[in-house]
Amino acid sequence: MTGAMAPSKPLNAMDLCDRCGAQAYVRVVLPGERVLLFCAHHARQHGDALAKIAVEIQDETGRLSTK
């Protein structure tokens, strides 16, 4: 992350996965400030490829719990 980028705001229930429409727990910022949102499932599925091209990955999957 560069100093010129503003910190990402927390994801909320209005942020939906671009792949399936479920609640998003991961925000991926790509070059050119393009943003993708993913549910935990799709973030895991595409995580390796996204990590290679992402400028920033905001992962809030830790909020999910198995209580």
C-alpha atoms as a PDB file:
ATOM      1  CA  MET A   1       0.000   0.000   0.000  1.00  0.00           C
ATOM      2  CA  THR A   2       1.327   3.417  -0.863  1.00  0.00           C
ATOM      3  CA  GLY A   3       1.112   6.454   1.365  1.00  0.00           C
ATOM      4  CA  ALA A   4      -1.203   8.135  -1.151  1.00  0.00           C
ATOM      5  CA  MET A   5      -3.980   5.590  -0.637  1.00  0.00           C
ATOM      6  CA  ALA A   6      -6.623   6.224   1.999  1.00  0.00           C
ATOM      7  CA  PRO A   7      -7.222   3.460   4.530  1.00  0.00           C
ATOM      8  CA  SER A   8     -10.074   1.144   3.594  1.00  0.00           C
ATOM      9  CA  LYS A   9     -13.307   1.425   5.517  1.00  0.00           C
ATOM     10  CA  PRO A  10     -14.676  -1.689   7.259  1.00  0.00           C
ATOM     11  CA  LEU A  11     -16.905  -3.927   5.150  1.00  0.00           C
ATOM     12  CA  ASN A  12     -20.563  -4.110   6.144  1.00  0.00           C
ATOM     13  CA  ALA A  13     -23.722  -6.042   5.235  1.00  0.00           C
ATOM     14  CA  MET A  14     -24.294  -3.796   2.202  1.00  0.00           C
ATOM     15  CA  ASP A  15     -20.999  -4.935   0.637  1.00  0.00           C
ATOM     16  CA  LEU A  16     -21.752  -7.974  -1.523  1.00  0.00           C
ATOM     17  CA  CYS A  17     -19.552 -10.519  -3.263  1.00  0.00           C
ATOM     18  CA  ASP A  18     -19.039  -9.658  -6.936  1.00  0.00           C
ATOM     19  CA  ARG A  19     -19.134 -13.363  -7.762  1.00  0.00           C
ATOM     20  CA  CYS A  20     -22.258 -14.660  -5.955  1.00  0.00           C
ATOM     21  CA  GLY A  21     -23.957 -11.790  -4.105  1.00  0.00           C
ATOM     22  CA  ALA A  22     -23.294 -13.096  -0.568  1.00  0.00           C
ATOM     23  CA  GLN A  23     -21.979 -10.750   2.105  1.00  0.00           C
ATOM     24  CA  ALA A  24     -18.420  -9.696   1.279  1.00  0.00           C
ATOM     25  CA  TYR A  25     -15.637 -10.195   3.806  1.00  0.00           C
ATOM     26  CA  VAL A  26     -12.689  -9.432   1.501  1.00  0.00           C
ATOM     27  CA  ARG A  27     -11.956  -6.258  -0.490  1.00  0.00           C
ATOM     28  CA  VAL A  28      -9.295  -6.481  -3.192  1.00  0.00           C
ATOM     29  CA  VAL A  29      -7.856  -3.275  -4.614  1.00  0.00           C
ATOM     30  CA  LEU A  30      -6.337  -3.740  -8.061  1.00  0.00           C
ATOM     31  CA  PRO A  31      -4.049  -1.396  -9.997  1.00  0.00           C
ATOM     32  CA  GLY A  32      -5.915   1.685 -11.170  1.00  0.00           C
ATOM     33  CA  GLU A  33      -7.923   1.704  -7.899  1.00  0.00           C
ATOM     34  CA  ARG A  34     -10.372  -0.893  -9.222  1.00  0.00           C
ATOM     35  CA  VAL A  35     -12.054  -2.769  -6.366  1.00  0.00           C
ATOM     36  CA  LEU A  36     -13.454  -6.293  -6.152  1.00  0.00           C
ATOM     37  CA  LEU A  37     -15.457  -7.682  -3.234  1.00  0.00           C
ATOM     38  CA  PHE A  38     -15.601 -11.369  -2.311  1.00  0.00           C
ATOM     39  CA  CYS A  39     -17.339 -13.620   0.180  1.00  0.00           C
ATOM     40  CA  ALA A  40     -14.997 -15.835   2.206  1.00  0.00           C
ATOM     41  CA  HIS A  41     -15.565 -18.808  -0.121  1.00  0.00           C
ATOM     42  CA  HIS A  42     -14.691 -16.983  -3.330  1.00  0.00           C
ATOM     43  CA  ALA A  43     -11.791 -15.141  -1.686  1.00  0.00           C
ATOM     44  CA  ARG A  44     -10.282 -18.528  -0.779  1.00  0.00           C
ATOM     45  CA  GLN A  45     -11.030 -19.908  -4.244  1.00  0.00           C
ATOM     46  CA  HIS A  46      -9.310 -17.029  -6.077  1.00  0.00           C
ATOM     47  CA  GLY A  47      -6.903 -15.875  -3.350  1.00  0.00           C
ATOM     48  CA  ASP A  48      -3.637 -17.082  -4.902  1.00  0.00           C
ATOM     49  CA  ALA A  49      -4.315 -15.388  -8.239  1.00  0.00           C
ATOM     50  CA  LEU A  50      -5.557 -12.196  -6.594  1.00  0.00           C
ATOM     51  CA  ALA A  51      -2.509 -11.967  -4.331  1.00  0.00           C
ATOM     52  CA  LYS A  52      -0.284 -11.819  -7.431  1.00  0.00           C
ATOM     53  CA  ILE A  53      -2.022  -8.758  -8.883  1.00  0.00           C
ATOM     54  CA  ALA A  54      -3.582  -6.927  -5.901  1.00  0.00           C
ATOM     55  CA  VAL A  55      -2.337  -3.608  -4.616  1.00  0.00           C
ATOM     56  CA  GLU A  56      -4.123  -4.225  -1.297  1.00  0.00           C
ATOM     57  CA  ILE A  57      -6.234  -7.007   0.196  1.00  0.00           C
ATOM     58  CA  GLN A  58      -8.502  -6.201   3.127  1.00  0.00           C
ATOM     59  CA  ASP A  59      -9.437  -9.543   4.710  1.00  0.00           C
ATOM     60  CA  GLU A  60     -12.161  -9.468   7.368  1.00  0.00           C
ATOM     61  CA  THR A  61     -12.892 -13.216   7.326  1.00  0.00           C
ATOM     62  CA  GLY A  62     -11.694 -13.290  10.951  1.00  0.00           C
ATOM     63  CA  ARG A  63     -15.112 -11.859  11.875  1.00  0.00           C
ATOM     64  CA  LEU A  64     -16.636 -15.212  10.897  1.00  0.00           C
ATOM     65  CA  SER A  65     -16.700 -17.704  13.708  1.00  0.00           C
ATOM     66  CA  THR A  66     -17.608 -21.341  14.253  1.00  0.00           C
ATOM     67  CA  LYS A  67     -19.354 -20.823  17.617  1.00  0.00           C
END
